[in-house]
Structure formats: structure tokens, C-alpha cells
């Protein structure tokens, strides 16, 4: 089962570490994540969960992580 939820990824600027560490916005993984059309991929991913019974599937980004 899949339940569509509003996209809730936090903004890069809002991600703070408890010890004051800052992430580099030029990090290759951060830059690559911006290139990926997550909303479109999520629609295709949701089509794999047609059954309305059972546990709710995790969002695509969490499943890939």
C-alpha cells in the first residue's frame, strides 16, 4: 500500500548540525540530488503498490537511502 504525502524534504539551508557543523553546498551528492526529478520518480514508484492492504510503503528517497 502506498499513501501519497506532501513532499517534506527539508531545505538544505535549514539542515543544522548540533555542533555547528555546516554542509558544503558544493558537495557532489547535494548537487546531484538537485538534478533528480524526485516528484516524477515518486509517481512511478507509487504505481508499484496497488494493493490497499498491508503496511504503508516508505517514500522513494527513504527506500533508496
Protein backbone atom coordinates (compact mmCIF):
# COMPACT_ATOMS: atom_id res chain seq x y z
CA UNK A 1 0.00 0.00 0.00
CA UNK A 2 1.24 3.48 -0.81
CA UNK A 3 -0.11 6.74 0.55
CA UNK A 4 0.89 9.90 -1.23
CA UNK A 5 2.18 12.53 1.16
CA UNK A 6 3.14 16.12 0.55
CA UNK A 7 6.81 16.48 -0.24
CA UNK A 8 8.50 17.17 3.08
CA UNK A 9 12.21 17.26 2.29
CA UNK A 10 13.84 19.98 4.38
CA UNK A 11 15.69 22.75 2.60
CA UNK A 12 19.45 22.49 2.51
CA UNK A 13 19.79 25.80 4.34
CA UNK A 14 17.60 24.51 7.20
CA UNK A 15 19.76 21.47 7.88
CA UNK A 16 21.80 22.27 11.00
CA UNK A 17 24.15 20.03 12.91
CA UNK A 18 24.03 20.16 16.72
CA UNK A 19 27.72 21.05 16.98
CA UNK A 20 27.52 23.91 14.49
CA UNK A 21 28.90 21.95 11.53
CA UNK A 22 27.80 23.21 8.13
CA UNK A 23 27.37 21.12 5.00
CA UNK A 24 29.13 22.32 1.88
CA UNK A 25 26.55 23.28 -0.78
CA UNK A 26 29.10 22.31 -3.44
CA UNK A 27 29.17 18.71 -2.20
CA UNK A 28 28.71 16.40 -5.20
CA UNK A 29 25.90 14.43 -3.56
CA UNK A 30 23.95 17.57 -2.72
CA UNK A 31 24.35 18.85 -6.27
CA UNK A 32 23.28 15.51 -7.78
CA UNK A 33 20.18 15.35 -5.57
CA UNK A 34 19.04 18.65 -7.08
CA UNK A 35 19.23 17.21 -10.61
CA UNK A 36 16.93 14.28 -9.90
CA UNK A 37 13.19 14.84 -10.64
CA UNK A 38 12.02 13.32 -7.35
CA UNK A 39 8.32 14.13 -7.78
CA UNK A 40 8.12 12.34 -11.15
CA UNK A 41 10.03 9.32 -9.87
CA UNK A 42 7.75 9.15 -6.84
CA UNK A 43 4.68 8.86 -9.13
CA UNK A 44 6.19 5.86 -10.95
CA UNK A 45 7.27 4.30 -7.66
CA UNK A 46 3.74 4.64 -6.23
CA UNK A 47 2.29 2.63 -9.15
CA UNK A 48 4.07 -0.47 -7.81
CA UNK A 49 1.87 -0.50 -4.71
CA UNK A 50 -1.65 -1.15 -6.00
CA UNK A 51 -2.82 -3.33 -3.11
CA UNK A 52 -4.76 -1.35 -0.49
CA UNK A 53 -3.92 -3.77 2.32
CA UNK A 54 -0.79 -4.19 4.38
CA UNK A 55 1.89 -1.84 5.63
CA UNK A 56 2.35 1.54 4.03
CA UNK A 57 5.42 1.75 1.77
CA UNK A 58 8.23 4.17 2.56
CA UNK A 59 8.82 7.20 0.31
CA UNK A 60 11.19 6.66 -2.63
CA UNK A 61 14.07 8.73 -1.25
CA UNK A 62 13.99 6.80 2.02
CA UNK A 63 13.80 3.45 0.21
CA UNK A 64 16.81 4.35 -1.95
CA UNK A 65 18.77 5.60 1.05
